[in-house]
Every structure is written in C-alpha cells, then in structure tokens.
C-alpha cells in the first residue's frame, strides 16, 4: 500500500512505496482439491428414483394412440385453484377414457 507524504522543499505530494517484507513475498502453497471441469461442479450427475407407476405390458400386437381430443378434455392446472380438487377432476376425466385392448 502506497503512502503519500508532502515534500517540504518542493511543496508537493510524493508517493512512497513501502518495501515488501520478505516473509510476505512468498505465500505457502496450499494443497487444493483435485482439479475437475466446471461442468462436473455445476451439473453433477443426476440419479433418478424408480417410478411408482407400473405400466402394463401391452404385448406386440397392441398399439396405443392418444388423440388430440383426449388431451383437450383434460383440465388445465394454473396453480390458483385447489390442487386436490384439480386432481379429483383429472381422475374423473381419465376414468371416462377407455381404450380397447388396454387393461386398466
């Protein structure tokens, strides 16, 4: 850190740099953790939990198609209404949909 001192002869401010202390010049090397890319730090590997849904085996000859008019029947959740009431209405609409050759 520099220090400003007034020179009495020239009547000006002079900046004086203090001499560095020899013991502070060399900082000890700290052992750091093993270097790794930033991608590993900011995006750690994600583990997925097993799904609680058991999907039935439909077999090789059964096809399933979800048509657009089925998705339009589903209620839209905006977050302002009661979540339990929304789920109850969602289950009612889903219970009305029956697909041939697909067990419920």
Protein backbone atom coordinates (compact mmCIF):
# COMPACT_ATOMS: atom_id res chain seq x y z
CA UNK A 1 0.00 0.00 0.00
CA UNK A 2 1.49 3.31 -1.01
CA UNK A 3 1.78 6.29 1.33
CA UNK A 4 1.56 9.97 0.32
CA UNK A 5 3.98 12.39 2.01
CA UNK A 6 4.43 16.13 1.46
CA UNK A 7 7.95 17.12 0.31
CA UNK A 8 8.92 20.29 2.27
CA UNK A 9 11.37 21.51 -0.41
CA UNK A 10 9.11 21.24 -3.45
CA UNK A 11 5.81 21.56 -1.59
CA UNK A 12 4.33 18.64 -3.47
CA UNK A 13 2.90 15.30 -2.51
CA UNK A 14 5.18 12.35 -3.11
CA UNK A 15 4.06 8.76 -3.19
CA UNK A 16 6.29 6.41 -1.24
CA UNK A 17 6.04 2.68 -1.86
CA UNK A 18 6.87 0.64 1.22
CA UNK A 19 9.46 -2.07 0.77
CA UNK A 20 7.90 -5.51 0.63
CA UNK A 21 8.50 -7.65 3.65
CA UNK A 22 10.44 -10.76 2.69
CA UNK A 23 8.30 -13.13 4.76
CA UNK A 24 5.13 -11.95 2.97
CA UNK A 25 6.55 -12.21 -0.53
CA UNK A 26 6.30 -15.98 -0.70
CA UNK A 27 2.99 -17.41 0.29
CA UNK A 28 2.94 -21.10 1.16
CA UNK A 29 1.40 -23.35 -1.45
CA UNK A 30 -1.89 -24.71 -0.20
CA UNK A 31 -2.90 -28.16 -1.29
CA UNK A 32 -6.06 -27.80 -3.32
CA UNK A 33 -8.64 -30.41 -4.13
CA UNK A 34 -8.24 -32.34 -7.33
CA UNK A 35 -9.00 -30.19 -10.34
CA UNK A 36 -12.17 -31.04 -12.19
CA UNK A 37 -14.07 -29.36 -15.00
CA UNK A 38 -16.69 -26.74 -14.21
CA UNK A 39 -19.27 -28.88 -15.96
CA UNK A 40 -18.86 -31.52 -13.23
CA UNK A 41 -19.18 -28.92 -10.49
CA UNK A 42 -22.23 -27.04 -11.77
CA UNK A 43 -24.01 -30.03 -13.33
CA UNK A 44 -23.47 -33.01 -11.02
CA UNK A 45 -24.66 -36.41 -12.20
CA UNK A 46 -28.34 -36.85 -11.54
CA UNK A 47 -29.78 -40.00 -10.13
CA UNK A 48 -33.34 -40.92 -10.87
CA UNK A 49 -35.65 -42.66 -8.49
CA UNK A 50 -37.60 -45.65 -9.73
CA UNK A 51 -41.05 -44.73 -10.97
CA UNK A 52 -44.05 -45.51 -8.79
CA UNK A 53 -46.11 -46.22 -11.91
CA UNK A 54 -46.26 -49.82 -13.09
CA UNK A 55 -47.08 -49.78 -16.78
CA UNK A 56 -48.79 -52.92 -18.07
CA UNK A 57 -47.16 -54.99 -20.77
CA UNK A 58 -49.32 -54.33 -23.83
CA UNK A 59 -47.88 -57.09 -25.98
CA UNK A 60 -46.52 -56.90 -29.52
CA UNK A 61 -49.88 -56.52 -31.34
CA UNK A 62 -51.42 -53.79 -29.19
CA UNK A 63 -50.93 -50.18 -30.22
CA UNK A 64 -51.82 -47.17 -28.15
CA UNK A 65 -52.68 -43.80 -29.63
CA UNK A 66 -53.53 -40.71 -27.63
CA UNK A 67 -55.59 -38.49 -29.88
CA UNK A 68 -55.70 -34.69 -29.51
CA UNK A 69 -59.35 -34.59 -28.46
CA UNK A 70 -58.44 -36.64 -25.37
CA UNK A 71 -55.87 -34.10 -24.24
CA UNK A 72 -58.32 -31.24 -24.83
CA UNK A 73 -60.75 -32.86 -22.40
CA UNK A 74 -58.22 -32.70 -19.55
CA UNK A 75 -58.49 -29.74 -17.16
CA UNK A 76 -55.66 -27.21 -17.12
CA UNK A 77 -53.91 -26.53 -13.81
CA UNK A 78 -52.88 -22.88 -13.36
CA UNK A 79 -51.79 -23.07 -9.72
CA UNK A 80 -54.52 -20.75 -8.45
CA UNK A 81 -57.14 -23.41 -7.82
CA UNK A 82 -57.17 -26.16 -5.22
CA UNK A 83 -54.70 -28.88 -6.23
CA UNK A 84 -56.75 -31.68 -4.64
CA UNK A 85 -59.90 -30.61 -6.47
CA UNK A 86 -57.95 -30.45 -9.73
CA UNK A 87 -56.62 -33.99 -9.23
CA UNK A 88 -60.12 -35.26 -8.46
CA UNK A 89 -61.45 -33.70 -11.70
CA UNK A 90 -58.45 -35.04 -13.61
CA UNK A 91 -59.14 -38.58 -12.35
CA UNK A 92 -62.82 -38.26 -13.32
CA UNK A 93 -61.92 -37.31 -16.88
CA UNK A 94 -59.32 -40.07 -17.11
CA UNK A 95 -61.79 -42.65 -15.81
CA UNK A 96 -64.16 -41.80 -18.69
CA UNK A 97 -61.49 -42.69 -21.26
CA UNK A 98 -61.48 -46.36 -22.24
CA UNK A 99 -59.08 -47.76 -24.77
CA UNK A 100 -59.70 -51.14 -26.41
CA UNK A 101 -57.22 -53.96 -25.67
CA UNK A 102 -55.54 -51.95 -22.89
CA UNK A 103 -56.05 -53.16 -19.31
CA UNK A 104 -56.86 -50.56 -16.69
